[in-house]
């Protein structure tokens, strides 16, 4: 796979992840019934739902910042994957397997995006924490 292909896949994945989690974070902060009611049904308290919204929107801002914040992007990817895993397990336990399809799709999408993020760092010879300039 070429660097150009990797970069394209990374930015498409980043855009989709940002749309998904940006919308989710916005809906959590605005108490949109579609997101809010399901999250409450899963047993999460209101203060936690608001906090999720703030962290999701903050994470999206970090992901969309090109050529900077590489270590923080690692943390954002970890946080997003934790969010997806907790959503999967919560939905599986409370609602049932059919409700977990979105979490499975999100997990695959974010995993591929993260793999491209790591591959781009290898292309540039960068490891997280060094000051090499990256194309992402």
N, C-alpha and C. Protein backbone atom coordinates (compact mmCIF):
# COMPACT_ATOMS: atom_id res chain seq x y z
N UNK A 1 0.85 -1.17 0.00
CA UNK A 1 0.00 0.00 0.00
C UNK A 1 0.90 1.24 0.00
N UNK A 2 0.59 2.19 -0.87
CA UNK A 2 1.41 3.39 -0.97
C UNK A 2 1.07 4.37 0.15
N UNK A 3 1.95 5.33 0.34
CA UNK A 3 1.71 6.35 1.35
C UNK A 3 0.48 7.18 1.00
N UNK A 4 0.28 7.44 -0.28
CA UNK A 4 -0.88 8.22 -0.71
C UNK A 4 -2.18 7.48 -0.37
N UNK A 5 -2.21 6.18 -0.63
CA UNK A 5 -3.39 5.36 -0.31
C UNK A 5 -3.63 5.34 1.19
N UNK A 6 -2.55 5.16 1.94
CA UNK A 6 -2.65 5.14 3.40
C UNK A 6 -3.19 6.48 3.92
N UNK A 7 -2.67 7.57 3.38
CA UNK A 7 -3.13 8.89 3.80
C UNK A 7 -4.60 9.09 3.46
N UNK A 8 -5.01 8.65 2.28
CA UNK A 8 -6.41 8.78 1.87
C UNK A 8 -7.32 7.99 2.80
N UNK A 9 -6.96 6.74 3.08
CA UNK A 9 -7.77 5.91 3.98
C UNK A 9 -7.81 6.54 5.37
N UNK A 10 -6.67 7.04 5.84
CA UNK A 10 -6.62 7.67 7.16
C UNK A 10 -7.58 8.86 7.23
N UNK A 11 -7.54 9.76 6.24
CA UNK A 11 -8.37 10.96 6.31
C UNK A 11 -9.85 10.65 6.11
N UNK A 12 -10.16 9.65 5.29
CA UNK A 12 -11.57 9.24 5.16
C UNK A 12 -12.05 8.67 6.49
N UNK A 13 -11.25 7.80 7.09
CA UNK A 13 -11.60 7.24 8.40
C UNK A 13 -11.70 8.29 9.48
N UNK A 14 -10.79 9.26 9.46
CA UNK A 14 -10.83 10.34 10.44
C UNK A 14 -12.08 11.19 10.26
N UNK A 15 -12.43 11.47 9.01
CA UNK A 15 -13.64 12.25 8.75
C UNK A 15 -14.89 11.51 9.23
N UNK A 16 -14.98 10.22 8.91
CA UNK A 16 -16.15 9.43 9.34
C UNK A 16 -16.21 9.30 10.86
N UNK A 17 -15.06 9.06 11.48
CA UNK A 17 -15.00 8.97 12.93
C UNK A 17 -15.40 10.29 13.57
N UNK A 18 -14.91 11.39 13.00
CA UNK A 18 -15.24 12.72 13.52
C UNK A 18 -16.72 13.02 13.37
N UNK A 19 -17.30 12.65 12.24
CA UNK A 19 -18.74 12.85 12.06
C UNK A 19 -19.54 12.03 13.07
N UNK A 20 -19.17 10.77 13.21
CA UNK A 20 -19.88 9.85 14.10
C UNK A 20 -19.80 10.33 15.55
N UNK A 21 -18.59 10.56 16.02
CA UNK A 21 -18.41 10.92 17.43
C UNK A 21 -18.71 12.39 17.70
N UNK A 22 -18.53 13.24 16.69
CA UNK A 22 -18.93 14.63 16.84
C UNK A 22 -20.44 14.77 16.99
N UNK A 23 -21.17 14.04 16.14
CA UNK A 23 -22.64 14.06 16.24
C UNK A 23 -23.08 13.47 17.57
N UNK A 24 -22.48 12.36 17.95
CA UNK A 24 -22.83 11.72 19.21
C UNK A 24 -22.58 12.66 20.39
N UNK A 25 -21.40 13.30 20.39
CA UNK A 25 -21.07 14.24 21.47
C UNK A 25 -22.02 15.42 21.50
N UNK A 26 -22.34 15.96 20.34
CA UNK A 26 -23.28 17.08 20.26
C UNK A 26 -24.66 16.66 20.78
N UNK A 27 -25.11 15.47 20.37
CA UNK A 27 -26.42 14.99 20.81
C UNK A 27 -26.45 14.72 22.31
N UNK A 28 -25.33 14.29 22.86
CA UNK A 28 -25.27 14.08 24.31
C UNK A 28 -25.35 15.41 25.06
N UNK A 29 -24.70 16.42 24.53
CA UNK A 29 -24.73 17.73 25.20
C UNK A 29 -26.07 18.44 25.04
N UNK A 30 -26.80 18.13 23.98
CA UNK A 30 -28.09 18.80 23.73
C UNK A 30 -29.28 17.93 24.13
N UNK A 31 -29.01 16.80 24.78
CA UNK A 31 -30.05 15.87 25.25
C UNK A 31 -30.97 15.41 24.11
N UNK A 32 -30.38 15.17 22.96
CA UNK A 32 -31.16 14.62 21.85
C UNK A 32 -31.75 13.29 22.29
N UNK A 33 -33.08 13.12 22.15
CA UNK A 33 -33.73 11.92 22.68
C UNK A 33 -33.21 10.60 22.10
N UNK A 34 -32.79 10.60 20.84
CA UNK A 34 -32.32 9.35 20.24
C UNK A 34 -31.10 8.83 20.99
N UNK A 35 -30.15 9.70 21.25
CA UNK A 35 -28.92 9.29 21.94
C UNK A 35 -29.14 9.25 23.45
N UNK A 36 -29.73 10.30 23.98
CA UNK A 36 -29.90 10.44 25.43
C UNK A 36 -30.70 9.28 26.03
N UNK A 37 -31.84 8.97 25.43
CA UNK A 37 -32.72 7.94 25.99
C UNK A 37 -32.07 6.56 26.01
N UNK A 38 -31.33 6.24 24.96
CA UNK A 38 -30.64 4.94 24.94
C UNK A 38 -29.56 4.90 26.01
N UNK A 39 -28.81 5.98 26.14
CA UNK A 39 -27.72 6.02 27.12
C UNK A 39 -28.27 5.93 28.54
N UNK A 40 -29.38 6.60 28.81
CA UNK A 40 -30.02 6.50 30.12
C UNK A 40 -30.54 5.08 30.34
N UNK A 41 -31.12 4.48 29.31
CA UNK A 41 -31.62 3.11 29.39
C UNK A 41 -30.50 2.14 29.75
N UNK A 42 -29.29 2.45 29.30
CA UNK A 42 -28.14 1.60 29.61
C UNK A 42 -27.66 1.77 31.06
N UNK A 43 -28.21 2.77 31.75
CA UNK A 43 -27.89 2.96 33.17
C UNK A 43 -26.89 4.04 33.48
N UNK A 44 -26.52 4.84 32.50
CA UNK A 44 -25.54 5.89 32.74
C UNK A 44 -26.21 7.15 33.28
N UNK A 45 -25.62 7.80 34.30
CA UNK A 45 -26.22 9.01 34.86
C UNK A 45 -25.99 10.23 33.96
N UNK A 46 -26.82 11.24 34.16
CA UNK A 46 -26.77 12.45 33.32
C UNK A 46 -25.40 13.11 33.32
N UNK A 47 -24.77 13.24 34.49
CA UNK A 47 -23.47 13.92 34.53
C UNK A 47 -22.43 13.18 33.69
N UNK A 48 -22.52 11.86 33.64
CA UNK A 48 -21.59 11.07 32.84
C UNK A 48 -21.85 11.27 31.35
N UNK A 49 -23.11 11.36 30.96
CA UNK A 49 -23.46 11.55 29.55
C UNK A 49 -22.94 12.91 29.06
N UNK A 50 -23.10 13.95 29.89
CA UNK A 50 -22.57 15.26 29.51
C UNK A 50 -21.04 15.21 29.35
N UNK A 51 -20.39 14.52 30.27
CA UNK A 51 -18.93 14.40 30.21
C UNK A 51 -18.50 13.67 28.95
N UNK A 52 -19.22 12.61 28.58
CA UNK A 52 -18.93 11.92 27.32
C UNK A 52 -19.01 12.88 26.14
N UNK A 53 -20.04 13.72 26.13
CA UNK A 53 -20.20 14.69 25.04
C UNK A 53 -19.02 15.64 24.94
N UNK A 54 -18.59 16.15 26.08
CA UNK A 54 -17.45 17.08 26.09
C UNK A 54 -16.19 16.39 25.59
N UNK A 55 -15.93 15.18 26.08
CA UNK A 55 -14.71 14.47 25.67
C UNK A 55 -14.76 14.07 24.20
N UNK A 56 -15.93 13.68 23.70
CA UNK A 56 -16.04 13.32 22.29
C UNK A 56 -15.75 14.52 21.39
N UNK A 57 -16.33 15.67 21.71
CA UNK A 57 -16.09 16.86 20.89
C UNK A 57 -14.64 17.32 20.99
N UNK A 58 -14.05 17.21 22.16
CA UNK A 58 -12.63 17.56 22.32
C UNK A 58 -11.75 16.61 21.51
N UNK A 59 -12.09 15.33 21.54
CA UNK A 59 -11.33 14.33 20.78
C UNK A 59 -11.42 14.56 19.29
N UNK A 60 -12.59 14.93 18.81
CA UNK A 60 -12.76 15.24 17.39
C UNK A 60 -11.86 16.41 16.99
N UNK A 61 -11.80 17.43 17.83
CA UNK A 61 -10.94 18.57 17.54
C UNK A 61 -9.47 18.14 17.42
N UNK A 62 -9.05 17.25 18.28
CA UNK A 62 -7.67 16.75 18.23
C UNK A 62 -7.44 15.93 16.96
N UNK A 63 -8.38 15.03 16.63
CA UNK A 63 -8.21 14.21 15.43
C UNK A 63 -8.13 15.04 14.16
N UNK A 64 -8.84 16.14 14.11
CA UNK A 64 -8.88 16.95 12.90
C UNK A 64 -7.73 17.96 12.81
N UNK A 65 -6.86 17.98 13.80
CA UNK A 65 -5.70 18.86 13.78
C UNK A 65 -4.56 18.16 13.03
N UNK A 66 -4.23 18.64 11.83
CA UNK A 66 -3.20 17.94 11.05
C UNK A 66 -1.78 18.25 11.55
N UNK A 67 -0.91 17.26 11.43
CA UNK A 67 0.53 17.40 11.68
C UNK A 67 0.90 17.80 13.10
N UNK A 68 0.00 17.61 14.06
CA UNK A 68 0.30 18.00 15.45
C UNK A 68 -0.39 17.03 16.40
N UNK A 69 -0.02 17.12 17.66
CA UNK A 69 -0.71 16.44 18.75
C UNK A 69 -0.72 14.91 18.59
N UNK A 70 0.37 14.34 18.13
CA UNK A 70 0.41 12.91 17.84
C UNK A 70 0.20 12.06 19.09
N UNK A 71 0.82 12.42 20.19
CA UNK A 71 0.64 11.65 21.42
C UNK A 71 -0.80 11.77 21.90
N UNK A 72 -1.38 12.96 21.82
CA UNK A 72 -2.76 13.16 22.23
C UNK A 72 -3.71 12.39 21.31
N UNK A 73 -3.38 12.29 20.02
CA UNK A 73 -4.20 11.49 19.10
C UNK A 73 -4.21 10.02 19.53
N UNK A 74 -3.09 9.52 20.02
CA UNK A 74 -3.04 8.16 20.54
C UNK A 74 -4.06 7.99 21.66
N UNK A 75 -4.10 8.96 22.56
CA UNK A 75 -5.04 8.93 23.68
C UNK A 75 -6.48 9.03 23.18
N UNK A 76 -6.72 9.85 22.18
CA UNK A 76 -8.07 9.98 21.62
C UNK A 76 -8.52 8.67 21.01
N UNK A 77 -7.65 8.03 20.23
CA UNK A 77 -8.01 6.73 19.66
C UNK A 77 -8.31 5.73 20.77
N UNK A 78 -7.51 5.73 21.82
CA UNK A 78 -7.76 4.81 22.94
C UNK A 78 -9.12 5.11 23.58
N UNK A 79 -9.40 6.39 23.82
CA UNK A 79 -10.67 6.77 24.43
C UNK A 79 -11.86 6.38 23.57
N UNK A 80 -11.74 6.58 22.28
CA UNK A 80 -12.83 6.22 21.36
C UNK A 80 -13.04 4.70 21.38
N UNK A 81 -11.96 3.95 21.36
CA UNK A 81 -12.10 2.49 21.39
C UNK A 81 -12.70 2.03 22.72
N UNK A 82 -12.32 2.65 23.83
CA UNK A 82 -12.95 2.32 25.12
C UNK A 82 -14.44 2.64 25.07
N UNK A 83 -14.79 3.79 24.53
CA UNK A 83 -16.20 4.18 24.41
C UNK A 83 -16.97 3.13 23.60
N UNK A 84 -16.40 2.69 22.50
CA UNK A 84 -17.06 1.70 21.65
C UNK A 84 -17.22 0.37 22.39
N UNK A 85 -16.18 -0.06 23.07
CA UNK A 85 -16.23 -1.33 23.80
C UNK A 85 -17.28 -1.26 24.91
N UNK A 86 -17.30 -0.15 25.67
CA UNK A 86 -18.30 -0.01 26.73
C UNK A 86 -19.71 0.05 26.17
N UNK A 87 -19.88 0.72 25.04
CA UNK A 87 -21.19 0.77 24.39
C UNK A 87 -21.62 -0.62 23.95
N UNK A 88 -20.70 -1.37 23.37
CA UNK A 88 -21.01 -2.73 22.93
C UNK A 88 -21.46 -3.59 24.10
N UNK A 89 -20.66 -3.61 25.16
CA UNK A 89 -20.97 -4.46 26.32
C UNK A 89 -22.26 -4.01 26.99
N UNK A 90 -22.45 -2.71 27.14
CA UNK A 90 -23.66 -2.20 27.78
C UNK A 90 -24.90 -2.57 26.97
N UNK A 91 -24.84 -2.35 25.67
CA UNK A 91 -25.98 -2.69 24.81
C UNK A 91 -26.24 -4.19 24.80
N UNK A 92 -25.19 -4.97 24.76
CA UNK A 92 -25.34 -6.42 24.77
C UNK A 92 -26.03 -6.88 26.06
N UNK A 93 -25.61 -6.32 27.18
CA UNK A 93 -26.16 -6.73 28.48
C UNK A 93 -27.59 -6.24 28.70
N UNK A 94 -27.91 -5.04 28.23
CA UNK A 94 -29.20 -4.44 28.56
C UNK A 94 -30.24 -4.59 27.45
N UNK A 95 -29.83 -4.38 26.19
CA UNK A 95 -30.79 -4.35 25.09
C UNK A 95 -30.76 -5.64 24.27
N UNK A 96 -29.58 -6.17 24.04
CA UNK A 96 -29.45 -7.39 23.24
C UNK A 96 -28.48 -7.20 22.10
N UNK A 97 -28.10 -8.32 21.47
CA UNK A 97 -27.07 -8.30 20.44
C UNK A 97 -27.43 -7.41 19.24
N UNK A 98 -28.69 -7.39 18.84
CA UNK A 98 -29.09 -6.60 17.67
C UNK A 98 -28.74 -5.12 17.83
N UNK A 99 -28.70 -4.63 19.05
CA UNK A 99 -28.40 -3.22 19.30
C UNK A 99 -26.91 -2.91 19.22
N UNK A 100 -26.07 -3.92 19.06
CA UNK A 100 -24.62 -3.70 19.07
C UNK A 100 -24.03 -3.50 17.68
N UNK A 101 -24.84 -3.56 16.65
CA UNK A 101 -24.33 -3.47 15.28
C UNK A 101 -23.55 -2.18 15.07
N UNK A 102 -24.07 -1.05 15.57
CA UNK A 102 -23.36 0.22 15.39
C UNK A 102 -22.00 0.21 16.07
N UNK A 103 -21.90 -0.42 17.23
CA UNK A 103 -20.62 -0.50 17.93
C UNK A 103 -19.62 -1.36 17.16
N UNK A 104 -20.10 -2.43 16.56
CA UNK A 104 -19.22 -3.29 15.77
C UNK A 104 -18.69 -2.55 14.55
N UNK A 105 -19.58 -1.84 13.86
CA UNK A 105 -19.16 -1.05 12.69
C UNK A 105 -18.17 0.03 13.11
N UNK A 106 -18.45 0.74 14.21
CA UNK A 106 -17.56 1.78 14.69
C UNK A 106 -16.20 1.21 15.06
N UNK A 107 -16.20 0.04 15.70
CA UNK A 107 -14.94 -0.59 16.10
C UNK A 107 -14.06 -0.89 14.89
N UNK A 108 -14.65 -1.46 13.85
CA UNK A 108 -13.89 -1.77 12.64
C UNK A 108 -13.37 -0.48 11.99
N UNK A 109 -14.24 0.52 11.87
CA UNK A 109 -13.87 1.79 11.24
C UNK A 109 -12.71 2.47 11.99
N UNK A 110 -12.83 2.56 13.30
CA UNK A 110 -11.80 3.24 14.08
C UNK A 110 -10.51 2.42 14.11
N UNK A 111 -10.62 1.10 14.14
CA UNK A 111 -9.41 0.25 14.12
C UNK A 111 -8.63 0.42 12.83
N UNK A 112 -9.32 0.47 11.70
CA UNK A 112 -8.65 0.67 10.40
C UNK A 112 -8.02 2.07 10.37
N UNK A 113 -8.73 3.06 10.85
CA UNK A 113 -8.20 4.43 10.88
C UNK A 113 -6.95 4.50 11.74
N UNK A 114 -6.99 3.87 12.90
CA UNK A 114 -5.82 3.87 13.78
C UNK A 114 -4.64 3.14 13.14
N UNK A 115 -4.91 2.03 12.47
CA UNK A 115 -3.84 1.30 11.78
C UNK A 115 -3.18 2.19 10.72
N UNK A 116 -3.97 2.99 10.01
CA UNK A 116 -3.42 3.90 9.00
C UNK A 116 -2.62 5.02 9.68
N UNK A 117 -3.09 5.49 10.82
CA UNK A 117 -2.36 6.50 11.60
C UNK A 117 -0.96 5.97 11.95
N UNK A 118 -0.91 4.74 12.45
CA UNK A 118 0.38 4.14 12.82
C UNK A 118 1.27 3.92 11.59
N UNK A 119 0.66 3.50 10.48
CA UNK A 119 1.42 3.27 9.26
C UNK A 119 2.03 4.59 8.75
N UNK A 120 1.26 5.67 8.82
CA UNK A 120 1.78 6.97 8.39
C UNK A 120 2.96 7.40 9.26
N UNK A 121 2.91 7.08 10.53
CA UNK A 121 4.04 7.41 11.39
C UNK A 121 5.28 6.60 11.00
N UNK A 122 5.09 5.37 10.58
CA UNK A 122 6.23 4.56 10.13
C UNK A 122 6.81 5.11 8.83
N UNK A 123 5.93 5.57 7.91
CA UNK A 123 6.42 6.16 6.66
C UNK A 123 7.32 7.35 6.93
N UNK A 124 6.96 8.13 7.93
CA UNK A 124 7.74 9.34 8.21
C UNK A 124 8.93 9.05 9.12
N UNK A 125 9.01 7.82 9.63
CA UNK A 125 10.09 7.50 10.55
C UNK A 125 9.83 8.04 11.94
N UNK A 126 8.62 8.46 12.19
CA UNK A 126 8.27 9.05 13.47
C UNK A 126 7.72 8.00 14.42
N UNK A 127 8.04 8.17 15.67
CA UNK A 127 7.31 7.46 16.72
C UNK A 127 6.66 8.53 17.56
N UNK A 128 5.60 8.20 18.21
CA UNK A 128 4.87 9.20 18.97
C UNK A 128 5.80 9.88 19.95
N UNK A 129 5.75 11.20 19.98
CA UNK A 129 6.59 11.96 20.88
C UNK A 129 7.78 12.61 20.22
N UNK A 130 8.15 12.17 19.02
CA UNK A 130 9.24 12.81 18.30
C UNK A 130 8.68 13.95 17.48
N UNK A 131 9.54 14.77 16.95
CA UNK A 131 9.09 15.99 16.27
C UNK A 131 9.18 15.91 14.73
N UNK A 132 9.00 14.75 14.16
CA UNK A 132 9.01 14.66 12.70
C UNK A 132 7.71 15.22 12.14
N UNK A 133 7.79 15.77 10.95
CA UNK A 133 6.60 16.31 10.31
C UNK A 133 5.90 15.17 9.59
N UNK A 134 4.58 15.07 9.82
CA UNK A 134 3.80 13.99 9.21
C UNK A 134 2.80 14.56 8.23
N UNK A 135 2.32 13.68 7.37
CA UNK A 135 1.32 14.08 6.38
C UNK A 135 -0.09 13.85 6.89
N UNK A 136 -0.28 13.78 8.17
CA UNK A 136 -1.62 13.57 8.73
C UNK A 136 -1.85 14.38 9.97
